[in-house]
């Protein structure tokens, strides 16, 4: 078994700052929506660590199993609000940006359902979870979150 680099041990000050930004961005949106966005991006990036963590956090914040499972096919599932659907479409568009700049329709939807400030919070949250996914996948991280253990 190869040794895993722990970014928290290797660059503690930088990781503390990264965590601080992550937590600050979350304050601008409702907690359940944040966990849906984090889980969806993590699914698209195939980040098992983050899927494990954020589905547990979503459950802890009252999210249902049905809505968590249906994130894989949210476009066809009638269980999300128009605001959630707009956030999930924006998450998909930004997470898949390398596959083409097809985000115009998603942008129109977030503009219809989010204030300008909320749009910035949502966009930063999507960027941050994509960054966390890359850290976890890149360094082969598996961190058992207390909420994940409880679930």
N, C-alpha and C. Protein backbone atom coordinates (compact mmCIF):
# COMPACT_ATOMS: atom_id res chain seq x y z
N UNK A 1 0.84 -1.17 0.00
CA UNK A 1 0.00 0.00 0.00
C UNK A 1 0.89 1.25 0.00
N UNK A 2 0.57 2.19 -0.87
CA UNK A 2 1.35 3.41 -0.93
C UNK A 2 0.87 4.40 0.12
N UNK A 3 1.81 5.22 0.57
CA UNK A 3 1.47 6.22 1.57
C UNK A 3 0.67 7.34 0.92
N UNK A 4 -0.34 7.83 1.63
CA UNK A 4 -1.20 8.89 1.14
C UNK A 4 -0.71 10.22 1.71
N UNK A 5 -0.59 11.22 0.85
CA UNK A 5 -0.24 12.56 1.31
C UNK A 5 -1.46 13.17 1.96
N UNK A 6 -1.29 13.63 3.18
CA UNK A 6 -2.36 14.31 3.89
C UNK A 6 -2.16 15.81 3.71
N UNK A 7 -3.01 16.47 2.89
CA UNK A 7 -2.80 17.89 2.65
C UNK A 7 -2.93 18.74 3.92
N UNK A 8 -3.70 18.26 4.90
CA UNK A 8 -3.84 18.99 6.16
C UNK A 8 -2.54 18.98 6.96
N UNK A 9 -1.78 17.90 6.86
CA UNK A 9 -0.49 17.81 7.53
C UNK A 9 0.61 18.48 6.71
N UNK A 10 0.53 18.36 5.39
CA UNK A 10 1.58 18.89 4.52
C UNK A 10 1.55 20.42 4.43
N UNK A 11 0.37 20.99 4.46
CA UNK A 11 0.23 22.45 4.33
C UNK A 11 -0.88 22.93 5.26
N UNK A 12 -0.66 22.82 6.57
CA UNK A 12 -1.74 23.11 7.52
C UNK A 12 -2.30 24.53 7.45
N UNK A 13 -1.47 25.52 7.29
CA UNK A 13 -1.96 26.90 7.25
C UNK A 13 -2.82 27.14 6.01
N UNK A 14 -2.34 26.68 4.88
CA UNK A 14 -3.08 26.84 3.64
C UNK A 14 -4.41 26.09 3.69
N UNK A 15 -4.40 24.88 4.21
CA UNK A 15 -5.64 24.11 4.30
C UNK A 15 -6.61 24.74 5.29
N UNK A 16 -6.10 25.36 6.34
CA UNK A 16 -6.96 26.07 7.29
C UNK A 16 -7.65 27.24 6.59
N UNK A 17 -6.91 27.95 5.77
CA UNK A 17 -7.49 29.07 5.02
C UNK A 17 -8.53 28.57 4.00
N UNK A 18 -8.21 27.48 3.33
CA UNK A 18 -9.14 26.87 2.37
C UNK A 18 -10.43 26.47 3.08
N UNK A 19 -10.31 25.86 4.25
CA UNK A 19 -11.48 25.47 5.03
C UNK A 19 -12.28 26.71 5.44
N UNK A 20 -11.59 27.77 5.82
CA UNK A 20 -12.27 29.01 6.21
C UNK A 20 -13.10 29.59 5.09
N UNK A 21 -12.54 29.61 3.89
CA UNK A 21 -13.28 30.11 2.73
C UNK A 21 -14.49 29.19 2.46
N UNK A 22 -14.28 27.90 2.56
CA UNK A 22 -15.36 26.94 2.34
C UNK A 22 -16.53 27.20 3.28
N UNK A 23 -16.23 27.42 4.53
CA UNK A 23 -17.28 27.65 5.53
C UNK A 23 -17.95 29.01 5.33
N UNK A 24 -17.19 30.03 4.97
CA UNK A 24 -17.75 31.36 4.77
C UNK A 24 -18.75 31.40 3.62
N UNK A 25 -18.45 30.72 2.55
CA UNK A 25 -19.32 30.73 1.37
C UNK A 25 -20.68 30.08 1.68
N UNK A 26 -20.67 29.08 2.53
CA UNK A 26 -21.91 28.37 2.85
C UNK A 26 -22.95 29.24 3.54
N UNK A 27 -22.53 30.31 4.19
CA UNK A 27 -23.46 31.14 4.96
C UNK A 27 -24.47 31.89 4.11
N UNK A 28 -24.28 31.95 2.82
CA UNK A 28 -25.17 32.72 1.97
C UNK A 28 -26.34 31.96 1.39
N UNK A 29 -26.42 30.66 1.65
CA UNK A 29 -27.49 29.83 1.07
C UNK A 29 -28.04 28.87 2.11
N UNK A 30 -29.22 28.33 1.85
CA UNK A 30 -29.83 27.40 2.79
C UNK A 30 -29.03 26.09 2.85
N UNK A 31 -28.87 25.54 4.06
CA UNK A 31 -28.01 24.35 4.26
C UNK A 31 -28.38 23.15 3.39
N UNK A 32 -29.66 22.87 3.22
CA UNK A 32 -30.05 21.72 2.42
C UNK A 32 -29.63 21.86 0.96
N UNK A 33 -29.79 23.05 0.42
CA UNK A 33 -29.40 23.32 -0.96
C UNK A 33 -27.89 23.14 -1.13
N UNK A 34 -27.15 23.61 -0.17
CA UNK A 34 -25.67 23.46 -0.22
C UNK A 34 -25.29 21.99 -0.31
N UNK A 35 -25.92 21.15 0.51
CA UNK A 35 -25.57 19.72 0.50
C UNK A 35 -25.98 19.05 -0.80
N UNK A 36 -27.10 19.47 -1.39
CA UNK A 36 -27.50 18.92 -2.69
C UNK A 36 -26.45 19.27 -3.75
N UNK A 37 -26.01 20.53 -3.74
CA UNK A 37 -25.00 20.98 -4.71
C UNK A 37 -23.69 20.23 -4.49
N UNK A 38 -23.25 20.12 -3.25
CA UNK A 38 -21.99 19.42 -2.97
C UNK A 38 -22.07 17.96 -3.40
N UNK A 39 -23.19 17.33 -3.12
CA UNK A 39 -23.34 15.92 -3.48
C UNK A 39 -23.37 15.74 -4.98
N UNK A 40 -24.11 16.59 -5.68
CA UNK A 40 -24.23 16.47 -7.13
C UNK A 40 -22.86 16.66 -7.80
N UNK A 41 -22.13 17.69 -7.42
CA UNK A 41 -20.80 17.91 -8.01
C UNK A 41 -19.89 16.73 -7.72
N UNK A 42 -19.97 16.21 -6.50
CA UNK A 42 -19.13 15.07 -6.12
C UNK A 42 -19.48 13.83 -6.93
N UNK A 43 -20.77 13.67 -7.26
CA UNK A 43 -21.19 12.55 -8.12
C UNK A 43 -20.58 12.71 -9.51
N UNK A 44 -20.66 13.91 -10.05
CA UNK A 44 -20.12 14.15 -11.39
C UNK A 44 -18.61 13.92 -11.43
N UNK A 45 -17.93 14.23 -10.34
CA UNK A 45 -16.48 14.06 -10.26
C UNK A 45 -16.07 12.69 -9.73
N UNK A 46 -17.03 11.83 -9.44
CA UNK A 46 -16.76 10.48 -8.92
C UNK A 46 -15.87 10.52 -7.69
N UNK A 47 -16.18 11.43 -6.77
CA UNK A 47 -15.40 11.57 -5.53
C UNK A 47 -16.13 10.83 -4.40
N UNK A 48 -15.73 9.61 -4.17
CA UNK A 48 -16.40 8.77 -3.16
C UNK A 48 -16.33 9.41 -1.77
N UNK A 49 -15.19 9.97 -1.43
CA UNK A 49 -15.03 10.60 -0.13
C UNK A 49 -16.08 11.69 0.09
N UNK A 50 -16.23 12.57 -0.88
CA UNK A 50 -17.16 13.68 -0.74
C UNK A 50 -18.62 13.25 -0.86
N UNK A 51 -18.90 12.25 -1.70
CA UNK A 51 -20.27 11.72 -1.76
C UNK A 51 -20.64 11.15 -0.40
N UNK A 52 -19.76 10.38 0.19
CA UNK A 52 -19.99 9.80 1.50
C UNK A 52 -20.25 10.90 2.54
N UNK A 53 -19.41 11.89 2.55
CA UNK A 53 -19.50 12.96 3.54
C UNK A 53 -20.77 13.80 3.36
N UNK A 54 -21.06 14.21 2.14
CA UNK A 54 -22.14 15.16 1.94
C UNK A 54 -23.52 14.52 1.91
N UNK A 55 -23.61 13.24 1.58
CA UNK A 55 -24.91 12.59 1.74
C UNK A 55 -25.23 12.42 3.23
N UNK A 56 -24.22 12.13 4.03
CA UNK A 56 -24.43 12.03 5.48
C UNK A 56 -24.83 13.38 6.06
N UNK A 57 -24.17 14.45 5.62
CA UNK A 57 -24.52 15.78 6.10
C UNK A 57 -25.91 16.18 5.64
N UNK A 58 -26.28 15.80 4.42
CA UNK A 58 -27.63 16.11 3.92
C UNK A 58 -28.68 15.42 4.78
N UNK A 59 -28.45 14.15 5.10
CA UNK A 59 -29.39 13.43 5.97
C UNK A 59 -29.49 14.11 7.33
N UNK A 60 -28.35 14.51 7.87
CA UNK A 60 -28.33 15.16 9.18
C UNK A 60 -29.10 16.49 9.15
N UNK A 61 -29.18 17.10 7.99
CA UNK A 61 -29.91 18.37 7.85
C UNK A 61 -31.34 18.15 7.39
N UNK A 62 -31.80 16.90 7.41
CA UNK A 62 -33.21 16.60 7.12
C UNK A 62 -33.52 16.17 5.70
N UNK A 63 -32.51 15.99 4.87
CA UNK A 63 -32.77 15.58 3.49
C UNK A 63 -33.24 14.13 3.46
N UNK A 64 -34.15 13.82 2.54
CA UNK A 64 -34.70 12.47 2.44
C UNK A 64 -33.81 11.57 1.58
N UNK A 65 -33.92 10.28 1.83
CA UNK A 65 -33.18 9.30 1.03
C UNK A 65 -33.59 9.41 -0.43
N UNK A 66 -34.87 9.58 -0.70
CA UNK A 66 -35.35 9.66 -2.06
C UNK A 66 -34.65 10.79 -2.83
N UNK A 67 -34.61 11.97 -2.23
CA UNK A 67 -34.00 13.11 -2.92
C UNK A 67 -32.49 12.95 -3.07
N UNK A 68 -31.86 12.31 -2.12
CA UNK A 68 -30.41 12.05 -2.25
C UNK A 68 -30.16 11.07 -3.39
N UNK A 69 -30.91 9.97 -3.43
CA UNK A 69 -30.71 8.97 -4.48
C UNK A 69 -31.02 9.54 -5.87
N UNK A 70 -32.03 10.38 -5.95
CA UNK A 70 -32.44 10.90 -7.25
C UNK A 70 -31.54 12.00 -7.80
N UNK A 71 -30.56 12.44 -7.02
CA UNK A 71 -29.62 13.44 -7.55
C UNK A 71 -28.92 12.94 -8.81
N UNK A 72 -28.74 11.65 -8.93
CA UNK A 72 -28.08 11.09 -10.11
C UNK A 72 -28.88 11.36 -11.38
N UNK A 73 -30.20 11.54 -11.24
CA UNK A 73 -31.07 11.79 -12.39
C UNK A 73 -32.03 12.94 -12.07
N UNK A 74 -31.51 14.00 -11.48
CA UNK A 74 -32.36 15.09 -11.00
C UNK A 74 -33.21 15.71 -12.09
N UNK A 75 -32.73 15.71 -13.34
CA UNK A 75 -33.48 16.36 -14.43
C UNK A 75 -34.85 15.71 -14.64
N UNK A 76 -34.94 14.40 -14.38
CA UNK A 76 -36.19 13.67 -14.59
C UNK A 76 -37.00 13.51 -13.31
N UNK A 77 -36.44 13.86 -12.19
CA UNK A 77 -37.11 13.63 -10.90
C UNK A 77 -37.93 14.86 -10.49
N UNK A 78 -39.21 14.66 -10.19
CA UNK A 78 -40.09 15.80 -9.86
C UNK A 78 -40.02 16.23 -8.40
N UNK A 79 -38.99 15.83 -7.67
CA UNK A 79 -38.94 16.07 -6.22
C UNK A 79 -38.16 17.32 -5.82
N UNK A 80 -37.67 18.08 -6.79
CA UNK A 80 -36.88 19.26 -6.49
C UNK A 80 -37.65 20.53 -6.86
N UNK A 81 -37.45 21.57 -6.07
CA UNK A 81 -38.10 22.86 -6.34
C UNK A 81 -37.45 23.52 -7.55
N UNK A 82 -38.12 24.51 -8.14
CA UNK A 82 -37.49 25.24 -9.24
C UNK A 82 -36.14 25.87 -8.84
N UNK A 83 -36.04 26.37 -7.61
CA UNK A 83 -34.78 26.96 -7.14
C UNK A 83 -33.69 25.88 -7.05
N UNK A 84 -34.03 24.71 -6.52
CA UNK A 84 -33.07 23.61 -6.44
C UNK A 84 -32.66 23.14 -7.83
N UNK A 85 -33.62 23.06 -8.73
CA UNK A 85 -33.33 22.63 -10.10
C UNK A 85 -32.36 23.61 -10.78
N UNK A 86 -32.59 24.91 -10.54
CA UNK A 86 -31.69 25.92 -11.10
C UNK A 86 -30.28 25.75 -10.54
N UNK A 87 -30.17 25.52 -9.24
CA UNK A 87 -28.85 25.33 -8.62
C UNK A 87 -28.18 24.07 -9.14
N UNK A 88 -28.93 23.00 -9.32
CA UNK A 88 -28.35 21.75 -9.82
C UNK A 88 -27.91 21.89 -11.28
N UNK A 89 -28.69 22.60 -12.08
CA UNK A 89 -28.30 22.84 -13.48
C UNK A 89 -27.02 23.67 -13.54
N UNK A 90 -26.91 24.67 -12.67
CA UNK A 90 -25.71 25.51 -12.61
C UNK A 90 -24.51 24.68 -12.15
N UNK A 91 -24.75 23.80 -11.19
CA UNK A 91 -23.69 22.89 -10.72
C UNK A 91 -23.21 22.01 -11.86
N UNK A 92 -24.13 21.41 -12.59
CA UNK A 92 -23.75 20.56 -13.72
C UNK A 92 -22.97 21.35 -14.77
N UNK A 93 -23.46 22.54 -15.11
CA UNK A 93 -22.83 23.34 -16.15
C UNK A 93 -21.40 23.73 -15.76
N UNK A 94 -21.21 24.19 -14.53
CA UNK A 94 -19.88 24.62 -14.13
C UNK A 94 -18.93 23.45 -13.87
N UNK A 95 -19.46 22.36 -13.35
CA UNK A 95 -18.61 21.19 -13.09
C UNK A 95 -18.17 20.54 -14.40
N UNK A 96 -19.01 20.63 -15.42
CA UNK A 96 -18.69 20.05 -16.73
C UNK A 96 -18.19 21.08 -17.73
N UNK A 97 -17.68 22.18 -17.26
CA UNK A 97 -17.26 23.28 -18.12
C UNK A 97 -16.28 22.83 -19.21
N UNK A 98 -15.42 21.90 -18.89
CA UNK A 98 -14.44 21.43 -19.88
C UNK A 98 -15.09 20.68 -21.04
N UNK A 99 -16.35 20.29 -20.88
CA UNK A 99 -17.06 19.57 -21.94
C UNK A 99 -17.75 20.52 -22.90
N UNK A 100 -17.63 21.80 -22.66
CA UNK A 100 -18.22 22.80 -23.55
C UNK A 100 -18.93 23.88 -22.75
N UNK A 101 -18.95 25.04 -23.31
CA UNK A 101 -19.58 26.19 -22.64
C UNK A 101 -21.06 26.23 -23.01
N UNK A 102 -21.82 25.40 -22.32
CA UNK A 102 -23.25 25.28 -22.60
C UNK A 102 -24.07 25.74 -21.39
N UNK A 103 -23.59 26.74 -20.70
CA UNK A 103 -24.20 27.16 -19.45
C UNK A 103 -25.21 28.29 -19.58
N UNK A 104 -25.51 28.76 -20.76
CA UNK A 104 -26.41 29.91 -20.93
C UNK A 104 -27.79 29.67 -20.35
N UNK A 105 -28.39 28.53 -20.63
CA UNK A 105 -29.72 28.24 -20.09
C UNK A 105 -29.68 28.13 -18.57
N UNK A 106 -28.64 27.49 -18.04
CA UNK A 106 -28.50 27.36 -16.58
C UNK A 106 -28.31 28.73 -15.94
N UNK A 107 -27.59 29.60 -16.60
CA UNK A 107 -27.37 30.95 -16.06
C UNK A 107 -28.69 31.71 -15.99
N UNK A 108 -29.49 31.59 -17.02
CA UNK A 108 -30.80 32.26 -17.01
C UNK A 108 -31.65 31.77 -15.86
N UNK A 109 -31.57 30.47 -15.55
CA UNK A 109 -32.35 29.91 -14.44
C UNK A 109 -31.87 30.40 -13.08
N UNK A 110 -30.56 30.48 -12.88
CA UNK A 110 -30.12 30.98 -11.57
C UNK A 110 -30.46 32.46 -11.42
N UNK A 111 -30.43 33.19 -12.52
CA UNK A 111 -30.81 34.60 -12.45
C UNK A 111 -32.28 34.77 -12.09
N UNK A 112 -33.11 33.81 -12.48
CA UNK A 112 -34.54 33.86 -12.18
C UNK A 112 -34.85 33.46 -10.73
N UNK A 113 -33.98 32.67 -10.11
CA UNK A 113 -34.28 32.11 -8.78
C UNK A 113 -33.36 32.55 -7.66
N UNK A 114 -32.28 33.26 -7.98
CA UNK A 114 -31.29 33.67 -6.98
C UNK A 114 -30.98 35.15 -7.14
N UNK A 115 -30.78 35.82 -6.03
CA UNK A 115 -30.31 37.21 -6.09
C UNK A 115 -28.88 37.22 -6.63
N UNK A 116 -28.40 38.40 -6.98
CA UNK A 116 -27.03 38.50 -7.48
C UNK A 116 -26.04 37.99 -6.44
N UNK A 117 -26.24 38.34 -5.18
CA UNK A 117 -25.34 37.88 -4.12
C UNK A 117 -25.42 36.36 -3.96
N UNK A 118 -26.62 35.80 -4.01
CA UNK A 118 -26.77 34.35 -3.91
C UNK A 118 -26.11 33.64 -5.09
N UNK A 119 -26.15 34.25 -6.27
CA UNK A 119 -25.49 33.66 -7.43
C UNK A 119 -23.99 33.55 -7.21
N UNK A 120 -23.42 34.57 -6.59
CA UNK A 120 -21.99 34.54 -6.29
C UNK A 120 -21.70 33.45 -5.26
N UNK A 121 -22.52 33.38 -4.20
CA UNK A 121 -22.32 32.33 -3.19
C UNK A 121 -22.42 30.94 -3.82
N UNK A 122 -23.43 30.74 -4.65
CA UNK A 122 -23.63 29.44 -5.30
C UNK A 122 -22.45 29.10 -6.21
N UNK A 123 -22.02 30.06 -7.00
CA UNK A 123 -20.90 29.82 -7.91
C UNK A 123 -19.62 29.51 -7.16
N UNK A 124 -19.36 30.26 -6.10
CA UNK A 124 -18.18 29.97 -5.28
C UNK A 124 -18.29 28.61 -4.61
N UNK A 125 -19.50 28.26 -4.14
CA UNK A 125 -19.69 26.95 -3.50
C UNK A 125 -19.39 25.83 -4.49
N UNK A 126 -19.84 25.99 -5.73
CA UNK A 126 -19.57 24.98 -6.77
C UNK A 126 -18.07 24.89 -7.03
N UNK A 127 -17.41 26.03 -7.10
CA UNK A 127 -15.95 26.02 -7.29
C UNK A 127 -15.25 25.34 -6.12
N UNK A 128 -15.69 25.63 -4.93
CA UNK A 128 -15.05 25.05 -3.74
C UNK A 128 -15.25 23.54 -3.67
N UNK A 129 -16.46 23.05 -3.92
CA UNK A 129 -16.66 21.60 -3.84
C UNK A 129 -15.88 20.90 -4.95
N UNK A 130 -15.77 21.52 -6.12
CA UNK A 130 -14.95 20.93 -7.16
C UNK A 130 -13.48 20.89 -6.72
N UNK A 131 -13.04 21.91 -6.01
CA UNK A 131 -11.68 21.89 -5.47
C UNK A 131 -11.49 20.81 -4.43
N UNK A 132 -12.45 20.66 -3.53
CA UNK A 132 -12.38 19.59 -2.52
C UNK A 132 -12.36 18.22 -3.20
N UNK A 133 -13.17 18.06 -4.25
CA UNK A 133 -13.18 16.79 -4.98
C UNK A 133 -11.80 16.49 -5.54
N UNK A 134 -11.16 17.49 -6.08
CA UNK A 134 -9.84 17.28 -6.67
C UNK A 134 -8.78 16.97 -5.61
N UNK A 135 -8.91 17.59 -4.45
CA UNK A 135 -8.00 17.26 -3.35
C UNK A 135 -8.21 15.81 -2.89
N UNK A 136 -9.47 15.44 -2.70
CA UNK A 136 -9.78 14.09 -2.21
C UNK A 136 -9.39 13.02 -3.22
N UNK A 137 -9.75 13.22 -4.48
CA UNK A 137 -9.41 12.24 -5.51
C UNK A 137 -7.90 12.24 -5.76
N UNK A 138 -7.31 13.42 -5.86
CA UNK A 138 -5.89 13.53 -6.16
C UNK A 138 -4.99 12.90 -5.10
N UNK A 139 -5.39 13.03 -3.83
CA UNK A 139 -4.58 12.49 -2.74
C UNK A 139 -5.15 11.20 -2.16
N UNK A 140 -6.12 10.59 -2.85
CA UNK A 140 -6.72 9.33 -2.40
C UNK A 140 -7.22 9.43 -0.96
N UNK A 141 -7.90 10.51 -0.64
CA UNK A 141 -8.36 10.71 0.73
C UNK A 141 -9.66 9.96 1.00
N UNK A 142 -9.76 9.45 2.19
CA UNK A 142 -11.00 8.88 2.71
C UNK A 142 -11.08 9.32 4.16
N UNK A 143 -11.94 10.28 4.42
CA UNK A 143 -12.11 10.81 5.76
C UNK A 143 -13.51 10.47 6.24
N UNK A 144 -13.60 9.72 7.30
CA UNK A 144 -14.92 9.43 7.87
C UNK A 144 -15.39 10.65 8.65
N UNK A 145 -16.43 11.25 8.16
CA UNK A 145 -17.02 12.41 8.80
C UNK A 145 -17.91 11.92 9.96
N UNK A 146 -17.95 12.63 11.06
CA UNK A 146 -18.80 12.20 12.19
C UNK A 146 -20.25 11.94 11.76
N UNK A 147 -20.78 12.78 10.89
CA UNK A 147 -22.15 12.56 10.41
C UNK A 147 -22.24 11.30 9.57
N UNK A 148 -21.18 10.98 8.81
CA UNK A 148 -21.17 9.77 7.99
C UNK A 148 -21.16 8.54 8.89
N UNK A 149 -20.40 8.59 9.97
CA UNK A 149 -20.36 7.46 10.90
C UNK A 149 -21.71 7.26 11.58
N UNK A 150 -22.36 8.36 11.94
CA UNK A 150 -23.66 8.27 12.60
C UNK A 150 -24.71 7.68 11.67
N UNK A 151 -24.62 8.03 10.39
CA UNK A 151 -25.58 7.50 9.41
C UNK A 151 -25.27 6.05 9.14
